Amino acid sequence: MRHLRQEFDKLTFKEVIIYTLAVVAMMAGLTLLFIGLYIQPEGEIHGSVLTAFGSICVFVASLLGISFHYANELDNLKANIQERLDEITK
């Protein structure tokens, strides 16, 4: 549990907003999907509900994907700089 808290403390305000928005959007999509099961006709999910859920999933994936992409790019840049510094110091 301590490790998770340390990782959470490293997040910037922007990352916290992005992850919170992603979780809220996904929960809204899942809620919409389950509510679609319980309204008339029961047990059948209308196509518009599935379309809305798909749109929400794409939105969440884009939020998380953009964040992870730039975090990965930053890690690659740091590794590249470290390699060059190691080459210079040899």
Protein backbone atom coordinates (compact mmCIF):
# COMPACT_ATOMS: atom_id res chain seq x y z
CA MET A 1 0.00 0.00 0.00
CA ARG A 2 2.90 2.35 0.75
CA HIS A 3 4.20 1.87 -2.79
CA LEU A 4 0.87 2.96 -4.27
CA ARG A 5 0.82 6.04 -2.08
CA GLN A 6 4.36 6.96 -3.19
CA GLU A 7 3.40 6.53 -6.83
CA PHE A 8 0.26 8.64 -6.33
CA ASP A 9 2.32 11.38 -4.66
CA LYS A 10 4.53 11.57 -7.78
CA LEU A 11 1.57 12.47 -10.01
CA THR A 12 1.15 16.05 -11.14
CA PHE A 13 -2.15 17.88 -10.77
CA LYS A 14 -2.82 17.48 -14.49
CA GLU A 15 -2.32 13.70 -14.30
CA VAL A 16 -4.64 13.45 -11.31
CA ILE A 17 -7.33 15.35 -13.26
CA ILE A 18 -6.84 13.11 -16.32
CA TYR A 19 -7.04 9.87 -14.36
CA THR A 20 -10.01 11.10 -12.34
CA LEU A 21 -11.85 12.16 -15.48
CA ALA A 22 -11.07 8.81 -17.11
CA VAL A 23 -12.42 6.87 -14.12
CA VAL A 24 -15.56 9.03 -13.89
CA ALA A 25 -16.23 8.68 -17.62
CA MET A 26 -15.76 4.93 -17.52
CA MET A 27 -18.05 4.61 -14.51
CA ALA A 28 -20.67 6.72 -16.30
CA GLY A 29 -20.41 4.46 -19.34
CA LEU A 30 -20.77 1.30 -17.26
CA THR A 31 -23.72 2.81 -15.39
CA LEU A 32 -25.37 3.71 -18.69
CA LEU A 33 -24.82 0.17 -19.93
CA PHE A 34 -26.32 -1.46 -16.83
CA ILE A 35 -29.25 0.95 -16.69
CA GLY A 36 -29.94 -0.01 -20.30
CA LEU A 37 -30.53 -3.57 -19.11
CA TYR A 38 -33.19 -2.61 -16.57
CA ILE A 39 -35.40 -0.20 -18.52
CA GLN A 40 -38.10 -1.37 -20.91
CA PRO A 41 -37.69 -3.72 -22.75
CA GLU A 42 -35.87 -5.45 -19.93
CA GLY A 43 -32.74 -7.39 -20.82
CA GLU A 44 -32.22 -5.67 -24.17
CA ILE A 45 -29.70 -2.88 -24.61
CA HIS A 46 -30.62 -0.35 -27.28
CA GLY A 47 -28.03 0.38 -29.96
CA SER A 48 -27.75 4.02 -28.93
CA VAL A 49 -26.65 2.94 -25.44
CA LEU A 50 -23.96 0.72 -26.92
CA THR A 51 -22.84 3.56 -29.19
CA ALA A 52 -22.64 5.94 -26.23
CA PHE A 53 -20.67 3.37 -24.23
CA GLY A 54 -18.27 2.86 -27.13
CA SER A 55 -17.77 6.62 -27.44
CA ILE A 56 -17.03 6.88 -23.73
CA CYS A 57 -14.52 4.03 -23.95
CA VAL A 58 -12.74 5.73 -26.85
CA PHE A 59 -12.66 9.00 -24.89
CA VAL A 60 -11.16 7.29 -21.84
CA ALA A 61 -8.64 5.42 -23.96
CA SER A 62 -7.57 8.65 -25.64
CA LEU A 63 -7.10 10.37 -22.28
CA LEU A 64 -5.01 7.54 -20.91
CA GLY A 65 -3.20 6.90 -24.18
CA ILE A 66 -2.05 10.49 -24.58
CA SER A 67 -0.78 10.57 -21.01
CA PHE A 68 1.09 7.28 -21.34
CA HIS A 69 2.51 8.25 -24.73
CA TYR A 70 4.16 11.39 -23.44
CA ALA A 71 5.37 9.66 -20.28
CA ASN A 72 6.97 7.01 -22.48
CA GLU A 73 8.52 9.64 -24.72
CA LEU A 74 10.02 11.38 -21.69
CA ASP A 75 11.50 8.10 -20.45
CA ASN A 76 13.02 7.47 -23.89
CA LEU A 77 14.51 10.95 -23.96
CA LYS A 78 16.05 10.49 -20.51
CA ALA A 79 17.54 7.14 -21.54
CA ASN A 80 18.94 8.65 -24.73
CA ILE A 81 20.55 11.53 -22.84
CA GLN A 82 22.01 9.12 -20.29
CA GLU A 83 23.51 6.98 -23.09
CA ARG A 84 25.14 10.03 -24.67
CA LEU A 85 26.52 11.17 -21.32
CA ASP A 86 27.94 7.69 -20.73
CA GLU A 87 29.60 7.75 -24.16
CA ILE A 88 31.14 11.16 -23.51
CA THR A 89 32.52 10.23 -20.10
CA LYS A 90 34.20 7.02 -21.41
